[in-house]
ModelCIF file with pLDDT and N, C-alpha, C, O atoms, coordinates in Angstrom:
data_MODEL
#
_entry.id   MODEL 
#
_entity.id                         1 
_entity.type                       polymer 
_entity.pdbx_number_of_molecules   1 
#
_entity_poly.entity_id                      1 
_entity_poly.type                           'polypeptide(L)' 
_entity_poly.nstd_linkage                   no 
_entity_poly.nstd_monomer                   no 
_entity_poly.pdbx_seq_one_letter_code       LVLILVIALIIFGPKKLPELGKAVGQTLREFKSSTRELTND 
_entity_poly.pdbx_seq_one_letter_code_can   LVLILVIALIIFGPKKLPELGKAVGQTLREFKSSTRELTND 
_entity_poly.pdbx_strand_id                 A 
#
loop_
_entity_poly_seq.entity_id 
_entity_poly_seq.num 
_entity_poly_seq.mon_id 
_entity_poly_seq.hetero 
1 1  LEU n 
1 2  VAL n 
1 3  LEU n 
1 4  ILE n 
1 5  LEU n 
1 6  VAL n 
1 7  ILE n 
1 8  ALA n 
1 9  LEU n 
1 10 ILE n 
1 11 ILE n 
1 12 PHE n 
1 13 GLY n 
1 14 PRO n 
1 15 LYS n 
1 16 LYS n 
1 17 LEU n 
1 18 PRO n 
1 19 GLU n 
1 20 LEU n 
1 21 GLY n 
1 22 LYS n 
1 23 ALA n 
1 24 VAL n 
1 25 GLY n 
1 26 GLN n 
1 27 THR n 
1 28 LEU n 
1 29 ARG n 
1 30 GLU n 
1 31 PHE n 
1 32 LYS n 
1 33 SER n 
1 34 SER n 
1 35 THR n 
1 36 ARG n 
1 37 GLU n 
1 38 LEU n 
1 39 THR n 
1 40 ASN n 
1 41 ASP n 
#
_struct_asym.id          A 
_struct_asym.entity_id   1 
#
loop_
_ma_qa_metric.id 
_ma_qa_metric.mode 
_ma_qa_metric.name 
_ma_qa_metric.software_group_id 
_ma_qa_metric.type 
1 global pLDDT . pLDDT 
2 local  pLDDT . pLDDT 
#
_ma_qa_metric_global.metric_id      1 
_ma_qa_metric_global.metric_value   90.88 
_ma_qa_metric_global.model_id       1 
_ma_qa_metric_global.ordinal_id     1 
#
loop_
_ma_qa_metric_local.label_asym_id 
_ma_qa_metric_local.label_comp_id 
_ma_qa_metric_local.label_seq_id 
_ma_qa_metric_local.metric_id 
_ma_qa_metric_local.metric_value 
_ma_qa_metric_local.model_id 
_ma_qa_metric_local.ordinal_id 
A LEU 1  2 84.00 1 1  
A VAL 2  2 88.00 1 2  
A LEU 3  2 91.00 1 3  
A ILE 4  2 88.00 1 4  
A LEU 5  2 87.00 1 5  
A VAL 6  2 90.00 1 6  
A ILE 7  2 92.00 1 7  
A ALA 8  2 88.00 1 8  
A LEU 9  2 89.00 1 9  
A ILE 10 2 91.00 1 10 
A ILE 11 2 90.00 1 11 
A PHE 12 2 87.00 1 12 
A GLY 13 2 88.00 1 13 
A PRO 14 2 87.00 1 14 
A LYS 15 2 89.00 1 15 
A LYS 16 2 89.00 1 16 
A LEU 17 2 85.00 1 17 
A PRO 18 2 88.00 1 18 
A GLU 19 2 90.00 1 19 
A LEU 20 2 86.00 1 20 
A GLY 21 2 86.00 1 21 
A LYS 22 2 93.00 1 22 
A ALA 23 2 93.00 1 23 
A VAL 24 2 89.00 1 24 
A GLY 25 2 92.00 1 25 
A GLN 26 2 96.00 1 26 
A THR 27 2 95.00 1 27 
A LEU 28 2 94.00 1 28 
A ARG 29 2 96.00 1 29 
A GLU 30 2 96.00 1 30 
A PHE 31 2 95.00 1 31 
A LYS 32 2 95.00 1 32 
A SER 33 2 95.00 1 33 
A SER 34 2 94.00 1 34 
A THR 35 2 94.00 1 35 
A ARG 36 2 95.00 1 36 
A GLU 37 2 94.00 1 37 
A LEU 38 2 93.00 1 38 
A THR 39 2 93.00 1 39 
A ASN 40 2 92.00 1 40 
A ASP 41 2 89.00 1 41 
#
loop_
_atom_site.group_PDB 
_atom_site.id 
_atom_site.type_symbol 
_atom_site.label_atom_id 
_atom_site.label_alt_id 
_atom_site.label_comp_id 
_atom_site.label_asym_id 
_atom_site.label_entity_id 
_atom_site.label_seq_id 
_atom_site.pdbx_PDB_ins_code 
_atom_site.Cartn_x 
_atom_site.Cartn_y 
_atom_site.Cartn_z 
_atom_site.occupancy 
_atom_site.B_iso_or_equiv 
_atom_site.pdbx_formal_charge 
_atom_site.auth_seq_id 
_atom_site.auth_comp_id 
_atom_site.auth_asym_id 
_atom_site.auth_atom_id 
_atom_site.pdbx_PDB_model_num 
ATOM 1   N N  . LEU A 1 1  ? -14.533 -0.251 4.318   1.00 84.00 ? 1  LEU A N  1 
ATOM 2   C CA . LEU A 1 1  ? -13.383 -1.000 3.804   1.00 84.00 ? 1  LEU A CA 1 
ATOM 3   C C  . LEU A 1 1  ? -13.789 -1.973 2.708   1.00 84.00 ? 1  LEU A C  1 
ATOM 4   O O  . LEU A 1 1  ? -13.079 -2.130 1.715   1.00 84.00 ? 1  LEU A O  1 
ATOM 5   N N  . VAL A 1 2  ? -14.922 -2.620 2.888   1.00 88.00 ? 2  VAL A N  1 
ATOM 6   C CA . VAL A 1 2  ? -15.419 -3.550 1.871   1.00 88.00 ? 2  VAL A CA 1 
ATOM 7   C C  . VAL A 1 2  ? -15.740 -2.784 0.588   1.00 88.00 ? 2  VAL A C  1 
ATOM 8   O O  . VAL A 1 2  ? -15.432 -3.253 -0.508  1.00 88.00 ? 2  VAL A O  1 
ATOM 9   N N  . LEU A 1 3  ? -16.346 -1.627 0.716   1.00 91.00 ? 3  LEU A N  1 
ATOM 10  C CA . LEU A 1 3  ? -16.675 -0.812 -0.456  1.00 91.00 ? 3  LEU A CA 1 
ATOM 11  C C  . LEU A 1 3  ? -15.408 -0.371 -1.181  1.00 91.00 ? 3  LEU A C  1 
ATOM 12  O O  . LEU A 1 3  ? -15.354 -0.414 -2.410  1.00 91.00 ? 3  LEU A O  1 
ATOM 13  N N  . ILE A 1 4  ? -14.390 0.054  -0.435  1.00 88.00 ? 4  ILE A N  1 
ATOM 14  C CA . ILE A 1 4  ? -13.118 0.456  -1.043  1.00 88.00 ? 4  ILE A CA 1 
ATOM 15  C C  . ILE A 1 4  ? -12.480 -0.722 -1.761  1.00 88.00 ? 4  ILE A C  1 
ATOM 16  O O  . ILE A 1 4  ? -11.968 -0.560 -2.868  1.00 88.00 ? 4  ILE A O  1 
ATOM 17  N N  . LEU A 1 5  ? -12.500 -1.905 -1.153  1.00 87.00 ? 5  LEU A N  1 
ATOM 18  C CA . LEU A 1 5  ? -11.928 -3.098 -1.769  1.00 87.00 ? 5  LEU A CA 1 
ATOM 19  C C  . LEU A 1 5  ? -12.671 -3.467 -3.054  1.00 87.00 ? 5  LEU A C  1 
ATOM 20  O O  . LEU A 1 5  ? -12.039 -3.826 -4.047  1.00 87.00 ? 5  LEU A O  1 
ATOM 21  N N  . VAL A 1 6  ? -13.988 -3.383 -3.048  1.00 90.00 ? 6  VAL A N  1 
ATOM 22  C CA . VAL A 1 6  ? -14.777 -3.702 -4.244  1.00 90.00 ? 6  VAL A CA 1 
ATOM 23  C C  . VAL A 1 6  ? -14.475 -2.702 -5.368  1.00 90.00 ? 6  VAL A C  1 
ATOM 24  O O  . VAL A 1 6  ? -14.321 -3.096 -6.524  1.00 90.00 ? 6  VAL A O  1 
ATOM 25  N N  . ILE A 1 7  ? -14.393 -1.432 -5.034  1.00 92.00 ? 7  ILE A N  1 
ATOM 26  C CA . ILE A 1 7  ? -14.084 -0.418 -6.047  1.00 92.00 ? 7  ILE A CA 1 
ATOM 27  C C  . ILE A 1 7  ? -12.688 -0.646 -6.616  1.00 92.00 ? 7  ILE A C  1 
ATOM 28  O O  . ILE A 1 7  ? -12.490 -0.558 -7.828  1.00 92.00 ? 7  ILE A O  1 
ATOM 29  N N  . ALA A 1 8  ? -11.709 -0.939 -5.741  1.00 88.00 ? 8  ALA A N  1 
ATOM 30  C CA . ALA A 1 8  ? -10.348 -1.217 -6.213  1.00 88.00 ? 8  ALA A CA 1 
ATOM 31  C C  . ALA A 1 8  ? -10.333 -2.454 -7.101  1.00 88.00 ? 8  ALA A C  1 
ATOM 32  O O  . ALA A 1 8  ? -9.618  -2.486 -8.103  1.00 88.00 ? 8  ALA A O  1 
ATOM 33  N N  . LEU A 1 9  ? -11.102 -3.455 -6.751  1.00 89.00 ? 9  LEU A N  1 
ATOM 34  C CA . LEU A 1 9  ? -11.177 -4.677 -7.554  1.00 89.00 ? 9  LEU A CA 1 
ATOM 35  C C  . LEU A 1 9  ? -11.757 -4.389 -8.934  1.00 89.00 ? 9  LEU A C  1 
ATOM 36  O O  . LEU A 1 9  ? -11.290 -4.936 -9.934  1.00 89.00 ? 9  LEU A O  1 
ATOM 37  N N  . ILE A 1 10 ? -12.762 -3.540 -8.989  1.00 91.00 ? 10 ILE A N  1 
ATOM 38  C CA . ILE A 1 10 ? -13.367 -3.181 -10.273 1.00 91.00 ? 10 ILE A CA 1 
ATOM 39  C C  . ILE A 1 10 ? -12.388 -2.365 -11.118 1.00 91.00 ? 10 ILE A C  1 
ATOM 40  O O  . ILE A 1 10 ? -12.256 -2.602 -12.319 1.00 91.00 ? 10 ILE A O  1 
ATOM 41  N N  . ILE A 1 11 ? -11.703 -1.407 -10.495 1.00 90.00 ? 11 ILE A N  1 
ATOM 42  C CA . ILE A 1 11 ? -10.809 -0.517 -11.236 1.00 90.00 ? 11 ILE A CA 1 
ATOM 43  C C  . ILE A 1 11 ? -9.554  -1.252 -11.714 1.00 90.00 ? 11 ILE A C  1 
ATOM 44  O O  . ILE A 1 11 ? -9.189  -1.162 -12.886 1.00 90.00 ? 11 ILE A O  1 
ATOM 45  N N  . PHE A 1 12 ? -8.900  -1.975 -10.813 1.00 87.00 ? 12 PHE A N  1 
ATOM 46  C CA . PHE A 1 12 ? -7.598  -2.571 -11.132 1.00 87.00 ? 12 PHE A CA 1 
ATOM 47  C C  . PHE A 1 12 ? -7.674  -4.022 -11.597 1.00 87.00 ? 12 PHE A C  1 
ATOM 48  O O  . PHE A 1 12 ? -6.739  -4.513 -12.231 1.00 87.00 ? 12 PHE A O  1 
ATOM 49  N N  . GLY A 1 13 ? -8.744  -4.699 -11.300 1.00 88.00 ? 13 GLY A N  1 
ATOM 50  C CA . GLY A 1 13 ? -8.875  -6.093 -11.700 1.00 88.00 ? 13 GLY A CA 1 
ATOM 51  C C  . GLY A 1 13 ? -8.209  -7.034 -10.704 1.00 88.00 ? 13 GLY A C  1 
ATOM 52  O O  . GLY A 1 13 ? -7.371  -6.611 -9.908  1.00 88.00 ? 13 GLY A O  1 
ATOM 53  N N  . PRO A 1 14 ? -8.580  -8.300 -10.750 1.00 87.00 ? 14 PRO A N  1 
ATOM 54  C CA . PRO A 1 14 ? -8.072  -9.258 -9.762  1.00 87.00 ? 14 PRO A CA 1 
ATOM 55  C C  . PRO A 1 14 ? -6.584  -9.581 -9.918  1.00 87.00 ? 14 PRO A C  1 
ATOM 56  O O  . PRO A 1 14 ? -5.943  -9.989 -8.949  1.00 87.00 ? 14 PRO A O  1 
ATOM 57  N N  . LYS A 1 15 ? -6.026  -9.409 -11.110 1.00 89.00 ? 15 LYS A N  1 
ATOM 58  C CA . LYS A 1 15 ? -4.613  -9.743 -11.311 1.00 89.00 ? 15 LYS A CA 1 
ATOM 59  C C  . LYS A 1 15 ? -3.686  -8.644 -10.796 1.00 89.00 ? 15 LYS A C  1 
ATOM 60  O O  . LYS A 1 15 ? -2.593  -8.941 -10.316 1.00 89.00 ? 15 LYS A O  1 
ATOM 61  N N  . LYS A 1 16 ? -4.099  -7.391 -10.887 1.00 89.00 ? 16 LYS A N  1 
ATOM 62  C CA . LYS A 1 16 ? -3.258  -6.263 -10.470 1.00 89.00 ? 16 LYS A CA 1 
ATOM 63  C C  . LYS A 1 16 ? -3.386  -5.946 -8.976  1.00 89.00 ? 16 LYS A C  1 
ATOM 64  O O  . LYS A 1 16 ? -2.514  -5.287 -8.409  1.00 89.00 ? 16 LYS A O  1 
ATOM 65  N N  . LEU A 1 17 ? -4.458  -6.406 -8.339  1.00 85.00 ? 17 LEU A N  1 
ATOM 66  C CA . LEU A 1 17 ? -4.704  -6.056 -6.941  1.00 85.00 ? 17 LEU A CA 1 
ATOM 67  C C  . LEU A 1 17 ? -3.598  -6.537 -5.997  1.00 85.00 ? 17 LEU A C  1 
ATOM 68  O O  . LEU A 1 17 ? -3.182  -5.761 -5.136  1.00 85.00 ? 17 LEU A O  1 
ATOM 69  N N  . PRO A 1 18 ? -3.099  -7.777 -6.110  1.00 88.00 ? 18 PRO A N  1 
ATOM 70  C CA . PRO A 1 18 ? -1.994  -8.183 -5.232  1.00 88.00 ? 18 PRO A CA 1 
ATOM 71  C C  . PRO A 1 18 ? -0.719  -7.364 -5.453  1.00 88.00 ? 18 PRO A C  1 
ATOM 72  O O  . PRO A 1 18 ? -0.006  -7.047 -4.500  1.00 88.00 ? 18 PRO A O  1 
ATOM 73  N N  . GLU A 1 19 ? -0.441  -7.030 -6.694  1.00 90.00 ? 19 GLU A N  1 
ATOM 74  C CA . GLU A 1 19 ? 0.730   -6.196 -6.992  1.00 90.00 ? 19 GLU A CA 1 
ATOM 75  C C  . GLU A 1 19 ? 0.572   -4.810 -6.373  1.00 90.00 ? 19 GLU A C  1 
ATOM 76  O O  . GLU A 1 19 ? 1.525   -4.255 -5.827  1.00 90.00 ? 19 GLU A O  1 
ATOM 77  N N  . LEU A 1 20 ? -0.616  -4.266 -6.460  1.00 86.00 ? 20 LEU A N  1 
ATOM 78  C CA . LEU A 1 20 ? -0.901  -2.958 -5.886  1.00 86.00 ? 20 LEU A CA 1 
ATOM 79  C C  . LEU A 1 20 ? -0.750  -3.007 -4.362  1.00 86.00 ? 20 LEU A C  1 
ATOM 80  O O  . LEU A 1 20 ? -0.176  -2.095 -3.767  1.00 86.00 ? 20 LEU A O  1 
ATOM 81  N N  . GLY A 1 21 ? -1.258  -4.054 -3.738  1.00 86.00 ? 21 GLY A N  1 
ATOM 82  C CA . GLY A 1 21 ? -1.125  -4.218 -2.292  1.00 86.00 ? 21 GLY A CA 1 
ATOM 83  C C  . GLY A 1 21 ? 0.328   -4.325 -1.866  1.00 86.00 ? 21 GLY A C  1 
ATOM 84  O O  . GLY A 1 21 ? 0.729   -3.752 -0.854  1.00 86.00 ? 21 GLY A O  1 
ATOM 85  N N  . LYS A 1 22 ? 1.111   -5.056 -2.635  1.00 93.00 ? 22 LYS A N  1 
ATOM 86  C CA . LYS A 1 22 ? 2.537   -5.200 -2.334  1.00 93.00 ? 22 LYS A CA 1 
ATOM 87  C C  . LYS A 1 22 ? 3.248   -3.863 -2.444  1.00 93.00 ? 22 LYS A C  1 
ATOM 88  O O  . LYS A 1 22 ? 4.076   -3.527 -1.598  1.00 93.00 ? 22 LYS A O  1 
ATOM 89  N N  . ALA A 1 23 ? 2.931   -3.096 -3.483  1.00 93.00 ? 23 ALA A N  1 
ATOM 90  C CA . ALA A 1 23 ? 3.548   -1.778 -3.670  1.00 93.00 ? 23 ALA A CA 1 
ATOM 91  C C  . ALA A 1 23 ? 3.178   -0.837 -2.525  1.00 93.00 ? 23 ALA A C  1 
ATOM 92  O O  . ALA A 1 23 ? 4.030   -0.098 -2.030  1.00 93.00 ? 23 ALA A O  1 
ATOM 93  N N  . VAL A 1 24 ? 1.925   -0.859 -2.107  1.00 89.00 ? 24 VAL A N  1 
ATOM 94  C CA . VAL A 1 24 ? 1.497   -0.010 -0.995  1.00 89.00 ? 24 VAL A CA 1 
ATOM 95  C C  . VAL A 1 24 ? 2.214   -0.426 0.290   1.00 89.00 ? 24 VAL A C  1 
ATOM 96  O O  . VAL A 1 24 ? 2.639   0.430  1.064   1.00 89.00 ? 24 VAL A O  1 
ATOM 97  N N  . GLY A 1 25 ? 2.348   -1.717 0.519   1.00 92.00 ? 25 GLY A N  1 
ATOM 98  C CA . GLY A 1 25 ? 3.057   -2.204 1.698   1.00 92.00 ? 25 GLY A CA 1 
ATOM 99  C C  . GLY A 1 25 ? 4.514   -1.780 1.709   1.00 92.00 ? 25 GLY A C  1 
ATOM 100 O O  . GLY A 1 25 ? 5.030   -1.359 2.745   1.00 92.00 ? 25 GLY A O  1 
ATOM 101 N N  . GLN A 1 26 ? 5.176   -1.886 0.576   1.00 96.00 ? 26 GLN A N  1 
ATOM 102 C CA . GLN A 1 26 ? 6.576   -1.462 0.490   1.00 96.00 ? 26 GLN A CA 1 
ATOM 103 C C  . GLN A 1 26 ? 6.713   0.038  0.708   1.00 96.00 ? 26 GLN A C  1 
ATOM 104 O O  . GLN A 1 26 ? 7.653   0.491  1.361   1.00 96.00 ? 26 GLN A O  1 
ATOM 105 N N  . THR A 1 27 ? 5.787   0.798  0.168   1.00 95.00 ? 27 THR A N  1 
ATOM 106 C CA . THR A 1 27 ? 5.815   2.246  0.346   1.00 95.00 ? 27 THR A CA 1 
ATOM 107 C C  . THR A 1 27 ? 5.634   2.620  1.814   1.00 95.00 ? 27 THR A C  1 
ATOM 108 O O  . THR A 1 27 ? 6.350   3.478  2.330   1.00 95.00 ? 27 THR A O  1 
ATOM 109 N N  . LEU A 1 28 ? 4.683   1.980  2.484   1.00 94.00 ? 28 LEU A N  1 
ATOM 110 C CA . LEU A 1 28 ? 4.464   2.256  3.897   1.00 94.00 ? 28 LEU A CA 1 
ATOM 111 C C  . LEU A 1 28 ? 5.664   1.843  4.739   1.00 94.00 ? 28 LEU A C  1 
ATOM 112 O O  . LEU A 1 28 ? 6.024   2.535  5.692   1.00 94.00 ? 28 LEU A O  1 
ATOM 113 N N  . ARG A 1 29 ? 6.285   0.717  4.392   1.00 96.00 ? 29 ARG A N  1 
ATOM 114 C CA . ARG A 1 29 ? 7.468   0.251  5.116   1.00 96.00 ? 29 ARG A CA 1 
ATOM 115 C C  . ARG A 1 29 ? 8.616   1.242  4.966   1.00 96.00 ? 29 ARG A C  1 
ATOM 116 O O  . ARG A 1 29 ? 9.308   1.536  5.942   1.00 96.00 ? 29 ARG A O  1 
ATOM 117 N N  . GLU A 1 30 ? 8.828   1.759  3.763   1.00 96.00 ? 30 GLU A N  1 
ATOM 118 C CA . GLU A 1 30 ? 9.886   2.741  3.513   1.00 96.00 ? 30 GLU A CA 1 
ATOM 119 C C  . GLU A 1 30 ? 9.589   4.053  4.244   1.00 96.00 ? 30 GLU A C  1 
ATOM 120 O O  . GLU A 1 30 ? 10.492  4.668  4.810   1.00 96.00 ? 30 GLU A O  1 
ATOM 121 N N  . PHE A 1 31 ? 8.335   4.476  4.232   1.00 95.00 ? 31 PHE A N  1 
ATOM 122 C CA . PHE A 1 31 ? 7.944   5.695  4.938   1.00 95.00 ? 31 PHE A CA 1 
ATOM 123 C C  . PHE A 1 31 ? 8.180   5.556  6.430   1.00 95.00 ? 31 PHE A C  1 
ATOM 124 O O  . PHE A 1 31 ? 8.691   6.474  7.071   1.00 95.00 ? 31 PHE A O  1 
ATOM 125 N N  . LYS A 1 32 ? 7.811   4.418  6.980   1.00 95.00 ? 32 LYS A N  1 
ATOM 126 C CA . LYS A 1 32 ? 8.010   4.167  8.410   1.00 95.00 ? 32 LYS A CA 1 
ATOM 127 C C  . LYS A 1 32 ? 9.495   4.168  8.751   1.00 95.00 ? 32 LYS A C  1 
ATOM 128 O O  . LYS A 1 32 ? 9.892   4.728  9.772   1.00 95.00 ? 32 LYS A O  1 
ATOM 129 N N  . SER A 1 33 ? 10.309  3.557  7.921   1.00 95.00 ? 33 SER A N  1 
ATOM 130 C CA . SER A 1 33 ? 11.753  3.523  8.137   1.00 95.00 ? 33 SER A CA 1 
ATOM 131 C C  . SER A 1 33 ? 12.350  4.926  8.076   1.00 95.00 ? 33 SER A C  1 
ATOM 132 O O  . SER A 1 33 ? 13.172  5.287  8.918   1.00 95.00 ? 33 SER A O  1 
ATOM 133 N N  . SER A 1 34 ? 11.948  5.705  7.100   1.00 94.00 ? 34 SER A N  1 
ATOM 134 C CA . SER A 1 34 ? 12.451  7.074  6.963   1.00 94.00 ? 34 SER A CA 1 
ATOM 135 C C  . SER A 1 34 ? 12.026  7.928  8.143   1.00 94.00 ? 34 SER A C  1 
ATOM 136 O O  . SER A 1 34 ? 12.813  8.728  8.648   1.00 94.00 ? 34 SER A O  1 
ATOM 137 N N  . THR A 1 35 ? 10.796  7.764  8.584   1.00 94.00 ? 35 THR A N  1 
ATOM 138 C CA . THR A 1 35 ? 10.306  8.514  9.735   1.00 94.00 ? 35 THR A CA 1 
ATOM 139 C C  . THR A 1 35 ? 11.094  8.156  10.983  1.00 94.00 ? 35 THR A C  1 
ATOM 140 O O  . THR A 1 35 ? 11.450  9.033  11.770  1.00 94.00 ? 35 THR A O  1 
ATOM 141 N N  . ARG A 1 36 ? 11.367  6.874  11.166  1.00 95.00 ? 36 ARG A N  1 
ATOM 142 C CA . ARG A 1 36 ? 12.139  6.423  12.332  1.00 95.00 ? 36 ARG A CA 1 
ATOM 143 C C  . ARG A 1 36 ? 13.557  6.998  12.286  1.00 95.00 ? 36 ARG A C  1 
ATOM 144 O O  . ARG A 1 36 ? 14.071  7.440  13.314  1.00 95.00 ? 36 ARG A O  1 
ATOM 145 N N  . GLU A 1 37 ? 14.193  6.999  11.121  1.00 94.00 ? 37 GLU A N  1 
ATOM 146 C CA . GLU A 1 37 ? 15.534  7.568  10.983  1.00 94.00 ? 37 GLU A CA 1 
ATOM 147 C C  . GLU A 1 37 ? 15.533  9.060  11.288  1.00 94.00 ? 37 GLU A C  1 
ATOM 148 O O  . GLU A 1 37 ? 16.420  9.552  11.986  1.00 94.00 ? 37 GLU A O  1 
ATOM 149 N N  . LEU A 1 38 ? 14.547  9.780  10.770  1.00 93.00 ? 38 LEU A N  1 
ATOM 150 C CA . LEU A 1 38 ? 14.460  11.213 11.016  1.00 93.00 ? 38 LEU A CA 1 
ATOM 151 C C  . LEU A 1 38 ? 14.261  11.493 12.504  1.00 93.00 ? 38 LEU A C  1 
ATOM 152 O O  . LEU A 1 38 ? 14.886  12.399 13.055  1.00 93.00 ? 38 LEU A O  1 
ATOM 153 N N  . THR A 1 39 ? 13.404  10.728 13.146  1.00 93.00 ? 39 THR A N  1 
ATOM 154 C CA . THR A 1 39 ? 13.165  10.894 14.575  1.00 93.00 ? 39 THR A CA 1 
ATOM 155 C C  . THR A 1 39 ? 14.442  10.636 15.366  1.00 93.00 ? 39 THR A C  1 
ATOM 156 O O  . THR A 1 39 ? 14.759  11.377 16.296  1.00 93.00 ? 39 THR A O  1 
ATOM 157 N N  . ASN A 1 40 ? 15.175  9.589  15.000  1.00 92.00 ? 40 ASN A N  1 
ATOM 158 C CA . ASN A 1 40 ? 16.429  9.284  15.692  1.00 92.00 ? 40 ASN A CA 1 
ATOM 159 C C  . ASN A 1 40 ? 17.448  10.411 15.502  1.00 92.00 ? 40 ASN A C  1 
ATOM 160 O O  . ASN A 1 40 ? 18.150  10.776 16.445  1.00 92.00 ? 40 ASN A O  1 
ATOM 161 N N  . ASP A 1 41 ? 17.531  10.957 14.297  1.00 89.00 ? 41 ASP A N  1 
ATOM 162 C CA . ASP A 1 41 ? 18.456  12.061 14.039  1.00 89.00 ? 41 ASP A CA 1 
ATOM 163 C C  . ASP A 1 41 ? 18.109  13.279 14.887  1.00 89.00 ? 41 ASP A C  1 
ATOM 164 O O  . ASP A 1 41 ? 18.784  14.304 14.799  1.00 89.00 ? 41 ASP A O  1 
#
């Protein structure tokens, strides 16, 4: 995990990393919501 974080920091830079994390979090939240809806259906 530390290696992945360091590589992401090098590739995206310190300013883009929080934005990238937020986007990944929103994507996972939407995926989880869609999965829950599909399961309920």
